[in-house]
Amino acid sequence: MPLAFDNAFARLGEGFFTRVTPTPLLNPSLGLKSPDAAALIGLDLQHPDTLALMGGQVMPVGSDPLAQVYAGHQFGGFSPRLGDGRGLLIGEVAGWDLHLKGAGKTPYSRFGDGRAVVRSTVREFIASEYLAAVGVPTTRAAVMAVSDTPVQRERVEKGASLLRLARTHLRFGHFEYFKTQGKTAELAALVDHALARFDLAPGDSPALALFRHALHSNAALVAQWQGLGFCHGVMNTDNTSIVGDTIDFGPFGFMDAHDAEHVCNHSDHQGRYRFENQPGVMKWNLACLAEALVPLAGIEPLRMALDEFDEAFRTAYRDVLHRRLGPVSDGLMLGWLALLETGADHTLAYRYQAEYRGRKDGHYERLVSLFDTKHREGLDRWLARLADEVPDFDARASALVATNPRRVPRNWICQRIIDWAEAGDWASAQAACDALFAPFDKADPQWDQPPPESLRHLAVSCSS
């Protein structure tokens, strides 16, 4: 390879983690690959050491595998001790954490086996690299492997692994853990570690500086999710990044028909993490982080900082809409959101309005076909108002096709890729991923469409 490791997190001391040796996989082989993500750390995907790493058989020279400890609010209830139950931080390279998922049991696995399976690993690979392709802050997925290790889920499946890259694996739950343990010195050390890692000025209150950075970056993140129609599915505080990156892909989903009440996680019976709730949940998570930092920053400064969230989200969401719709008035933005609420296909509606050049060349017919007859009069009124604000539709379209993707990883597409992967047809799986990861390129009729009727109601749960 070789990779130049730093291991700054390991230097915090063993109260922050437990060192663990990966449990090797049987007869591993590489599956999906992302050359773009691998290039971030200089990883040679063809080198034999890469396969040895992915199989958990030989760790790279200079690495220091460990399982982090943290806590978290899960579906609103507090779990005081969680941690890396099926993945290991093996060190930091070129500013990126390297995390081997599916590496076997750790002290934090509870009743789990510490393994990952093909379907869950494929889904995380797809989501990570797709979000990166459309400019949404996210962890990355460099490569996955599949093995002959049997893993019992609803059925016996093949064990898999994923090399995840992250700017950091620090979650809100890390800070909750040390606060509830009464370990203020460790809490302060964790804050200092985060500030140093991202070269953030500590000011008079390091904890407050970190909190405000977390607030504004996560407000911007969830605004991008809302514009894209992305549902995280499990927005627990242990799944929320301190630097505003999307992390921990389980039952995520990209909406087909726009539905504010859409619940992508079949396990979320109360709809806590439904699409319309995501901004409010992010603020709630930030309130949990603020509570964890009270011993270092005090209640009132953190309360005042938390009050910045609503305006930070509104500003970020307005910016997202301007990127998707162009520099239109607030009235037109609100009118567009009202049109989406009629149940039009979220992705295609944004793309077709971006390509709209007036009533010519079929642009109008394509856009209007997404709306029920009873809503087409409203669309016509919106397009008439748009014409009043847009001097040159051709110039508008040329700009907006670069900010409105043709395709997203809908559940039915993910399932097709999983089916290929589980059958060992990695060429077809990789080709589909490559098409997804170039979502602004030329049309691809195979993927640029809503789900077939037979795949319209796929359910995804936490076990996925």
Protein backbone atom coordinates (compact mmCIF):
# COMPACT_ATOMS: atom_id res chain seq x y z
CA MET A 1 0.00 0.00 0.00
CA PRO A 2 1.53 1.53 2.35
CA LEU A 3 -0.69 3.92 4.33
CA ALA A 4 0.68 6.62 6.64
CA PHE A 5 -1.30 6.39 9.88
CA ASP A 6 -1.60 9.04 12.58
CA ASN A 7 -3.93 7.50 15.22
CA ALA A 8 -4.72 10.74 17.06
CA PHE A 9 -7.87 9.28 18.62
CA ALA A 10 -5.89 6.38 20.07
CA ARG A 11 -3.69 8.88 21.90
CA LEU A 12 -6.68 10.05 23.95
CA GLY A 13 -6.24 6.97 26.15
CA GLU A 14 -8.05 3.74 26.82
CA GLY A 15 -10.99 5.32 28.64
CA PHE A 16 -12.21 6.32 25.19
CA PHE A 17 -12.05 2.90 23.53
CA THR A 18 -11.06 -0.75 23.76
CA ARG A 19 -8.38 -2.18 21.51
CA VAL A 20 -9.75 -5.09 19.50
CA THR A 21 -8.25 -7.45 16.94
CA PRO A 22 -10.59 -8.06 13.96
CA THR A 23 -12.10 -11.53 13.59
CA PRO A 24 -11.07 -12.71 10.10
CA LEU A 25 -13.60 -13.51 7.39
CA LEU A 26 -13.47 -16.82 5.55
CA ASN A 27 -12.27 -16.67 1.96
CA PRO A 28 -12.91 -12.96 1.38
CA SER A 29 -13.06 -11.35 -2.05
CA LEU A 30 -13.57 -7.75 -3.08
CA GLY A 31 -16.97 -6.58 -4.28
CA LEU A 32 -17.98 -3.00 -5.00
CA LYS A 33 -15.22 -0.42 -5.28
CA SER A 34 -15.03 3.38 -5.31
CA PRO A 35 -11.78 4.57 -6.90
CA ASP A 36 -12.70 8.15 -5.97
CA ALA A 37 -12.98 7.33 -2.27
CA ALA A 38 -9.91 5.12 -2.30
CA ALA A 39 -7.88 7.95 -3.86
CA LEU A 40 -8.63 10.13 -0.82
CA ILE A 41 -6.25 8.00 1.25
CA GLY A 42 -4.01 6.63 -1.50
CA LEU A 43 -5.46 3.12 -1.22
CA ASP A 44 -4.45 0.76 -4.01
CA LEU A 45 -7.55 -1.34 -4.63
CA GLN A 46 -5.55 -3.91 -6.60
CA HIS A 47 -2.91 -4.51 -3.94
CA PRO A 48 -3.08 -7.83 -2.05
CA ASP A 49 -2.83 -5.95 1.24
CA THR A 50 -6.23 -4.36 0.53
CA LEU A 51 -7.90 -7.76 0.43
CA ALA A 52 -6.06 -8.81 3.59
CA LEU A 53 -7.32 -5.67 5.32
CA MET A 54 -10.90 -6.18 4.16
CA GLY A 55 -10.85 -9.78 5.36
CA GLY A 56 -9.58 -8.70 8.78
CA GLN A 57 -6.61 -10.98 8.31
CA VAL A 58 -3.70 -8.54 8.40
CA MET A 59 -3.93 -4.95 9.63
CA PRO A 60 -1.82 -2.31 7.87
CA VAL A 61 1.50 -1.36 9.40
CA GLY A 62 1.01 1.60 11.71
CA SER A 63 -2.71 1.01 12.31
CA ASP A 64 -4.16 0.69 15.81
CA PRO A 65 -7.57 -1.06 15.67
CA LEU A 66 -9.98 -0.04 18.40
CA ALA A 67 -13.68 0.11 19.22
CA GLN A 68 -14.91 3.47 20.44
CA VAL A 69 -17.26 3.81 23.39
CA TYR A 70 -20.20 6.24 23.34
CA ALA A 71 -23.81 6.59 24.46
CA GLY A 72 -26.88 7.81 22.62
CA HIS A 73 -30.55 8.65 22.52
CA GLN A 74 -32.20 5.95 20.40
CA PHE A 75 -35.77 6.73 19.32
CA GLY A 76 -35.90 9.21 22.19
CA GLY A 77 -34.72 6.85 24.93
CA PHE A 78 -31.25 7.16 26.43
CA SER A 79 -28.81 4.24 26.24
CA PRO A 80 -25.89 5.06 28.57
CA ARG A 81 -23.32 2.74 27.01
CA LEU A 82 -23.23 1.85 23.33
CA GLY A 83 -20.10 1.89 21.19
CA ASP A 84 -18.71 0.30 18.05
CA GLY A 85 -20.46 -3.05 18.04
CA ARG A 86 -19.51 -4.25 14.56
CA GLY A 87 -16.77 -1.97 13.35
CA LEU A 88 -13.28 -0.87 14.29
CA LEU A 89 -11.48 2.41 13.89
CA ILE A 90 -8.13 1.24 12.52
CA GLY A 91 -6.55 4.70 12.41
CA GLU A 92 -6.41 8.00 10.54
CA VAL A 93 -4.85 8.51 7.12
CA ALA A 94 -4.59 11.84 5.28
CA GLY A 95 -7.20 13.40 7.55
CA TRP A 96 -9.67 10.52 7.20
CA ASP A 97 -10.72 7.94 9.77
CA LEU A 98 -10.57 4.39 8.42
CA HIS A 99 -13.32 2.24 9.87
CA LEU A 100 -13.62 -1.47 9.09
CA LYS A 101 -17.28 -2.44 9.39
CA GLY A 102 -18.22 -6.08 9.90
CA ALA A 103 -14.97 -6.85 11.74
CA GLY A 104 -16.49 -9.11 14.41
CA LYS A 105 -17.45 -8.85 18.05
CA THR A 106 -16.30 -6.04 20.32
CA PRO A 107 -17.06 -5.30 23.98
CA TYR A 108 -19.92 -3.13 22.71
CA SER A 109 -21.62 -5.73 20.49
CA ARG A 110 -24.13 -6.57 23.24
CA PHE A 111 -26.09 -9.52 21.80
CA GLY A 112 -24.87 -9.03 18.23
CA ASP A 113 -22.29 -10.98 16.27
CA GLY A 114 -20.33 -7.95 15.09
CA ARG A 115 -20.83 -8.91 11.47
CA ALA A 116 -22.27 -7.18 8.42
CA VAL A 117 -24.02 -8.88 5.51
CA VAL A 118 -24.03 -8.18 1.80
CA ARG A 119 -27.36 -6.33 1.60
CA SER A 120 -26.62 -3.86 4.40
CA THR A 121 -23.09 -3.30 3.15
CA VAL A 122 -24.22 -2.68 -0.42
CA ARG A 123 -26.80 -0.17 0.80
CA GLU A 124 -24.23 1.78 2.81
CA PHE A 125 -21.80 1.74 -0.11
CA ILE A 126 -24.47 3.11 -2.46
CA ALA A 127 -25.73 5.82 -0.11
CA SER A 128 -22.29 7.03 0.87
CA GLU A 129 -20.93 7.41 -2.62
CA TYR A 130 -24.17 8.78 -4.08
CA LEU A 131 -24.42 11.56 -1.50
CA ALA A 132 -20.80 12.45 -2.16
CA ALA A 133 -21.57 12.60 -5.89
CA VAL A 134 -24.34 15.16 -5.34
CA GLY A 135 -22.34 17.25 -2.87
CA VAL A 136 -23.99 16.25 0.41
CA PRO A 137 -21.54 15.93 3.33
CA THR A 138 -21.14 12.24 4.10
CA THR A 139 -18.87 9.44 5.14
CA ARG A 140 -17.37 7.60 2.19
CA ALA A 141 -17.15 3.94 1.18
CA ALA A 142 -13.88 2.92 -0.45
CA VAL A 143 -14.44 -0.80 -0.96
CA MET A 144 -16.51 -3.72 0.27
CA ALA A 145 -15.73 -7.40 0.52
CA VAL A 146 -17.85 -10.53 0.63
CA SER A 147 -16.89 -13.82 2.25
CA ASP A 148 -17.94 -17.39 2.96
CA THR A 149 -18.48 -16.59 6.64
CA PRO A 150 -22.09 -17.53 7.47
CA VAL A 151 -24.08 -14.87 9.29
CA GLN A 152 -27.51 -15.60 10.77
CA ARG A 153 -30.12 -12.92 10.20
CA GLU A 154 -33.69 -13.72 9.12
CA ARG A 155 -31.84 -16.27 7.00
CA VAL A 156 -28.21 -17.34 6.76
CA GLU A 157 -26.32 -14.77 4.71
CA LYS A 158 -22.74 -14.18 3.67
CA GLY A 159 -20.60 -12.02 5.91
CA ALA A 160 -19.32 -8.82 4.35
CA SER A 161 -17.10 -5.89 5.29
CA LEU A 162 -16.87 -2.23 4.32
CA LEU A 163 -13.99 0.21 4.56
CA ARG A 164 -15.68 3.44 5.62
CA LEU A 165 -13.87 6.76 5.52
CA ALA A 166 -14.98 9.67 7.68
CA ARG A 167 -13.63 13.07 8.52
CA THR A 168 -14.33 11.89 12.06
CA HIS A 169 -16.37 9.20 13.78
CA LEU A 170 -17.14 11.49 16.72
CA ARG A 171 -20.88 11.47 17.35
CA PHE A 172 -23.06 13.43 19.73
CA GLY A 173 -23.19 10.22 21.74
CA HIS A 174 -19.49 10.41 22.54
CA PHE A 175 -20.07 13.60 24.51
CA GLU A 176 -23.23 12.25 26.13
CA TYR A 177 -21.27 9.24 27.38
CA PHE A 178 -18.60 11.19 29.24
CA LYS A 179 -21.07 13.73 30.63
CA THR A 180 -23.36 11.06 32.07
CA GLN A 181 -20.32 9.20 33.42
CA GLY A 182 -19.33 12.36 35.26
CA LYS A 183 -15.96 12.39 33.50
CA THR A 184 -15.54 16.11 32.89
CA ALA A 185 -11.80 15.92 32.20
CA GLU A 186 -12.36 13.33 29.47
CA LEU A 187 -15.23 15.40 28.08
CA ALA A 188 -12.92 18.42 27.83
CA ALA A 189 -10.21 16.29 26.20
CA LEU A 190 -12.70 15.10 23.59
CA VAL A 191 -13.69 18.70 22.81
CA ASP A 192 -10.05 19.71 22.45
CA HIS A 193 -9.42 16.71 20.18
CA ALA A 194 -12.29 17.69 17.89
CA LEU A 195 -11.25 21.35 17.70
CA ALA A 196 -7.66 20.39 16.89
CA ARG A 197 -8.73 17.84 14.29
CA PHE A 198 -10.68 20.47 12.35
CA ASP A 199 -8.52 23.48 13.17
CA LEU A 200 -11.40 25.32 14.85
CA ALA A 201 -10.67 28.38 17.00
CA PRO A 202 -11.61 27.60 20.62
CA GLY A 203 -12.36 31.20 21.59
CA ASP A 204 -13.20 31.82 25.23
CA SER A 205 -15.18 28.58 25.46
CA PRO A 206 -13.92 25.58 23.45
CA ALA A 207 -17.09 23.57 24.14
CA LEU A 208 -19.32 26.41 22.95
CA ALA A 209 -17.21 26.86 19.81
CA LEU A 210 -17.57 23.15 19.01
CA PHE A 211 -21.30 23.22 19.69
CA ARG A 212 -21.91 26.16 17.37
CA HIS A 213 -19.89 24.45 14.64
CA ALA A 214 -21.94 21.27 15.10
CA LEU A 215 -25.18 23.26 15.02
CA HIS A 216 -24.52 25.19 11.83
CA SER A 217 -23.00 22.27 9.95
CA ASN A 218 -25.86 19.93 10.87
CA ALA A 219 -28.50 22.57 10.06
CA ALA A 220 -26.95 22.85 6.59
CA LEU A 221 -26.81 19.06 6.30
CA VAL A 222 -30.47 18.44 7.04
CA ALA A 223 -31.44 21.25 4.66
CA GLN A 224 -29.66 19.35 1.89
CA TRP A 225 -31.45 16.15 2.88
CA GLN A 226 -34.82 17.90 2.62
CA GLY A 227 -34.05 19.30 -0.81
CA LEU A 228 -32.89 15.93 -2.10
CA GLY A 229 -35.79 13.95 -0.64
CA PHE A 230 -33.40 11.88 1.49
CA CYS A 231 -34.62 10.22 4.67
CA HIS A 232 -32.00 9.01 7.13
CA GLY A 233 -34.32 6.69 8.99
CA VAL A 234 -32.46 6.42 12.32
CA MET A 235 -31.50 9.91 13.49
CA ASN A 236 -30.35 8.80 16.93
CA THR A 237 -27.76 10.95 18.67
CA ASP A 238 -25.22 8.15 18.28
CA ASN A 239 -25.84 8.41 14.51
CA THR A 240 -25.30 12.17 14.35
CA SER A 241 -21.85 13.47 13.42
CA ILE A 242 -20.20 16.28 15.35
CA VAL A 243 -19.11 17.87 12.05
CA GLY A 244 -22.35 17.59 10.09
CA ASP A 245 -21.63 14.58 7.87
CA THR A 246 -24.22 11.95 7.06
CA ILE A 247 -23.20 8.83 8.96
CA ASP A 248 -24.59 5.34 9.70
CA PHE A 249 -26.75 4.22 6.79
CA GLY A 250 -29.34 1.67 7.76
CA PRO A 251 -32.96 1.95 6.61
CA PHE A 252 -32.38 5.15 4.63
CA GLY A 253 -34.60 6.02 1.69
CA PHE A 254 -34.93 8.47 -1.17
CA MET A 255 -38.55 9.40 -1.70
CA ASP A 256 -40.41 8.39 -4.84
CA ALA A 257 -43.62 10.42 -4.65
CA HIS A 258 -43.14 13.42 -2.39
CA ASP A 259 -44.80 12.80 0.97
CA ALA A 260 -44.01 14.93 4.01
CA GLU A 261 -45.13 12.08 6.27
CA HIS A 262 -42.99 9.46 4.53
CA VAL A 263 -41.38 6.98 6.93
CA CYS A 264 -38.50 5.11 5.30
CA ASN A 265 -37.78 2.87 8.31
CA HIS A 266 -40.28 0.05 8.68
CA SER A 267 -39.15 -0.28 12.31
CA ASP A 268 -40.11 3.32 13.11
CA HIS A 269 -43.68 2.50 14.07
CA GLN A 270 -44.41 5.95 15.53
CA GLY A 271 -42.92 7.84 12.59
CA ARG A 272 -40.46 9.68 14.81
CA TYR A 273 -37.98 10.06 11.97
CA ARG A 274 -40.41 10.72 9.13
CA PHE A 275 -39.32 13.12 6.40
CA GLU A 276 -40.99 16.28 7.72
CA ASN A 277 -39.58 15.67 11.22
CA GLN A 278 -35.91 15.61 10.26
CA PRO A 279 -35.14 19.31 10.92
CA GLY A 280 -36.91 19.19 14.28
CA VAL A 281 -35.17 15.95 15.24
CA MET A 282 -31.80 17.47 14.37
CA LYS A 283 -32.56 20.38 16.70
CA TRP A 284 -33.62 17.91 19.42
CA ASN A 285 -30.36 16.03 18.97
CA LEU A 286 -28.45 19.28 19.27
CA ALA A 287 -30.28 19.98 22.53
CA CYS A 288 -28.96 16.62 23.79
CA LEU A 289 -25.45 17.63 22.75
CA ALA A 290 -25.89 20.98 24.50
CA GLU A 291 -26.92 19.20 27.69
CA ALA A 292 -23.80 17.05 27.47
CA LEU A 293 -21.60 20.14 27.18
CA VAL A 294 -23.16 22.07 30.07
CA PRO A 295 -20.33 21.18 32.50
CA LEU A 296 -17.88 22.92 30.15
CA ALA A 297 -19.87 25.80 28.67
CA GLY A 298 -22.76 26.55 31.04
CA ILE A 299 -26.49 26.42 30.41
CA GLU A 300 -27.26 29.93 29.20
CA PRO A 301 -24.58 30.25 26.46
CA LEU A 302 -25.60 26.88 25.06
CA ARG A 303 -29.30 27.74 25.21
CA MET A 304 -28.67 30.96 23.29
CA ALA A 305 -26.60 29.08 20.73
CA LEU A 306 -29.33 26.46 20.28
CA ASP A 307 -31.74 29.28 19.44
CA GLU A 308 -29.68 29.88 16.29
CA PHE A 309 -30.82 26.61 14.75
CA ASP A 310 -34.15 27.66 13.26
CA GLU A 311 -32.71 30.58 11.32
CA ALA A 312 -29.63 28.58 10.35
CA PHE A 313 -31.86 25.86 8.88
CA ARG A 314 -34.16 28.33 7.11
CA THR A 315 -31.20 30.10 5.53
CA ALA A 316 -29.56 26.84 4.46
CA TYR A 317 -32.83 25.48 3.05
CA ARG A 318 -33.44 28.66 1.09
CA ASP A 319 -29.94 28.30 -0.36
CA VAL A 320 -30.71 24.69 -1.33
CA LEU A 321 -33.91 25.74 -3.07
CA HIS A 322 -32.10 28.49 -4.96
CA ARG A 323 -29.62 25.89 -6.21
CA ARG A 324 -32.47 23.66 -7.32
CA LEU A 325 -34.86 26.33 -8.69
CA GLY A 326 -32.58 29.22 -9.55
CA PRO A 327 -32.68 32.75 -8.07
CA VAL A 328 -36.47 32.93 -7.86
CA SER A 329 -38.63 34.79 -5.37
CA ASP A 330 -39.70 33.35 -2.04
CA GLY A 331 -43.25 33.23 -3.38
CA LEU A 332 -42.22 30.97 -6.24
CA MET A 333 -40.23 28.75 -3.87
CA LEU A 334 -43.23 28.33 -1.60
CA GLY A 335 -45.45 27.69 -4.61
CA TRP A 336 -43.12 24.94 -5.78
CA LEU A 337 -43.10 23.27 -2.37
CA ALA A 338 -46.91 23.35 -2.39
CA LEU A 339 -46.90 21.64 -5.78
CA LEU A 340 -44.61 18.91 -4.49
CA GLU A 341 -47.04 18.26 -1.65
CA THR A 342 -49.59 17.08 -4.21
CA GLY A 343 -47.55 13.87 -4.48
CA ALA A 344 -45.46 14.39 -7.59
CA ASP A 345 -42.30 12.32 -7.99
CA HIS A 346 -39.75 14.27 -5.94
CA THR A 347 -36.65 13.66 -8.05
CA LEU A 348 -38.26 13.88 -11.49
CA ALA A 349 -40.25 16.99 -10.60
CA TYR A 350 -37.09 18.86 -9.67
CA ARG A 351 -35.25 17.57 -12.74
CA TYR A 352 -38.05 18.32 -15.21
CA GLN A 353 -38.59 21.86 -13.92
CA ALA A 354 -34.83 22.38 -14.28
CA GLU A 355 -34.98 21.25 -17.91
CA TYR A 356 -38.14 23.25 -18.65
CA ARG A 357 -37.67 25.63 -21.57
CA GLY A 358 -41.26 26.64 -22.12
CA ARG A 359 -43.93 24.85 -24.12
CA LYS A 360 -41.60 23.37 -26.68
CA ASP A 361 -39.67 20.18 -27.35
CA GLY A 362 -41.86 18.19 -24.95
CA HIS A 363 -40.56 19.90 -21.80
CA TYR A 364 -44.00 20.96 -20.66
CA GLU A 365 -45.56 17.58 -21.37
CA ARG A 366 -42.93 15.75 -19.35
CA LEU A 367 -43.35 18.03 -16.35
CA VAL A 368 -47.14 18.11 -16.40
CA SER A 369 -47.29 14.30 -16.65
CA LEU A 370 -46.04 14.11 -13.06
CA PHE A 371 -49.12 15.83 -11.67
CA ASP A 372 -52.71 14.66 -11.33
CA THR A 373 -55.18 16.39 -13.63
CA LYS A 374 -56.71 18.34 -10.73
CA HIS A 375 -53.31 19.88 -9.91
CA ARG A 376 -52.25 20.84 -13.42
CA GLU A 377 -53.98 24.21 -13.28
CA GLY A 378 -51.84 25.06 -10.25
CA LEU A 379 -48.72 23.98 -12.14
CA ASP A 380 -49.71 26.18 -15.09
CA ARG A 381 -50.08 29.18 -12.77
CA TRP A 382 -46.67 28.48 -11.25
CA LEU A 383 -45.03 28.19 -14.67
CA ALA A 384 -46.63 31.48 -15.74
CA ARG A 385 -45.18 33.19 -12.67
CA LEU A 386 -41.83 31.53 -13.39
CA ALA A 387 -41.87 32.97 -16.90
CA ASP A 388 -42.32 36.44 -15.40
CA GLU A 389 -39.11 36.00 -13.36
CA VAL A 390 -36.91 34.09 -15.82
CA PRO A 391 -35.57 36.12 -18.76
CA ASP A 392 -33.88 33.17 -20.50
CA PHE A 393 -35.13 29.63 -19.99
CA ASP A 394 -32.28 28.11 -21.99
CA ALA A 395 -29.67 29.73 -19.75
CA ARG A 396 -31.62 28.70 -16.65
CA ALA A 397 -31.79 25.09 -17.79
CA SER A 398 -28.08 24.99 -18.61
CA ALA A 399 -27.32 26.00 -15.03
CA LEU A 400 -29.90 23.91 -13.18
CA VAL A 401 -29.26 20.56 -14.83
CA ALA A 402 -25.98 20.55 -12.89
CA THR A 403 -27.81 20.84 -9.54
CA ASN A 404 -30.83 18.59 -10.10
CA PRO A 405 -29.92 14.90 -10.45
CA ARG A 406 -31.68 12.67 -12.93
CA ARG A 407 -31.61 9.72 -10.59
CA VAL A 408 -31.35 8.78 -6.93
CA PRO A 409 -30.80 5.37 -5.26
CA ARG A 410 -34.45 4.50 -4.88
CA ASN A 411 -35.14 1.36 -2.87
CA TRP A 412 -35.98 -0.64 -5.96
CA ILE A 413 -32.63 0.24 -7.54
CA CYS A 414 -30.75 -0.67 -4.36
CA GLN A 415 -32.57 -3.99 -4.30
CA ARG A 416 -31.60 -4.76 -7.90
CA ILE A 417 -27.96 -4.11 -7.04
CA ILE A 418 -28.23 -6.26 -3.90
CA ASP A 419 -29.71 -9.10 -5.95
CA TRP A 420 -26.77 -8.95 -8.36
CA ALA A 421 -24.28 -8.77 -5.51
CA GLU A 422 -25.77 -11.71 -3.66
CA ALA A 423 -25.67 -13.70 -6.90
CA GLY A 424 -22.00 -12.79 -7.40
CA ASP A 425 -22.66 -10.66 -10.48
CA TRP A 426 -20.37 -7.85 -9.42
CA ALA A 427 -20.00 -6.48 -12.95
CA SER A 428 -23.72 -5.65 -13.16
CA ALA A 429 -23.75 -4.34 -9.59
CA GLN A 430 -20.74 -2.09 -10.21
CA ALA A 431 -22.14 -0.80 -13.51
CA ALA A 432 -25.39 0.21 -11.81
CA CYS A 433 -23.45 1.96 -9.04
CA ASP A 434 -21.34 3.80 -11.59
CA ALA A 435 -24.53 5.07 -13.25
CA LEU A 436 -25.92 6.21 -9.90
CA PHE A 437 -22.71 8.00 -9.01
CA ALA A 438 -22.90 10.09 -12.21
CA PRO A 439 -26.45 11.38 -11.63
CA PHE A 440 -26.14 14.55 -13.71
CA ASP A 441 -24.83 12.80 -16.82
CA LYS A 442 -26.81 11.70 -19.85
CA ALA A 443 -30.18 10.04 -19.41
CA ASP A 444 -30.29 6.36 -18.52
CA PRO A 445 -33.80 4.97 -19.06
CA GLN A 446 -32.97 1.94 -16.92
CA TRP A 447 -32.63 4.00 -13.74
CA ASP A 448 -34.24 7.40 -14.37
CA GLN A 449 -37.75 6.34 -13.43
CA PRO A 450 -40.07 5.56 -10.53
CA PRO A 451 -40.24 1.96 -9.30
CA PRO A 452 -41.98 -0.73 -11.30
CA GLU A 453 -45.35 -1.64 -9.78
CA SER A 454 -43.97 -4.90 -8.42
CA LEU A 455 -41.28 -3.03 -6.46
CA ARG A 456 -43.27 0.03 -5.43
CA HIS A 457 -43.71 -0.86 -1.76
CA LEU A 458 -40.37 -2.29 -0.66
CA ALA A 459 -40.01 -2.10 3.13
CA VAL A 460 -36.66 -1.41 4.75
CA SER A 461 -36.06 -1.87 8.48
CA CYS A 462 -33.25 -1.39 10.98
CA SER A 463 -32.09 -4.94 10.21
CA SER A 464 -31.47 -3.90 6.59
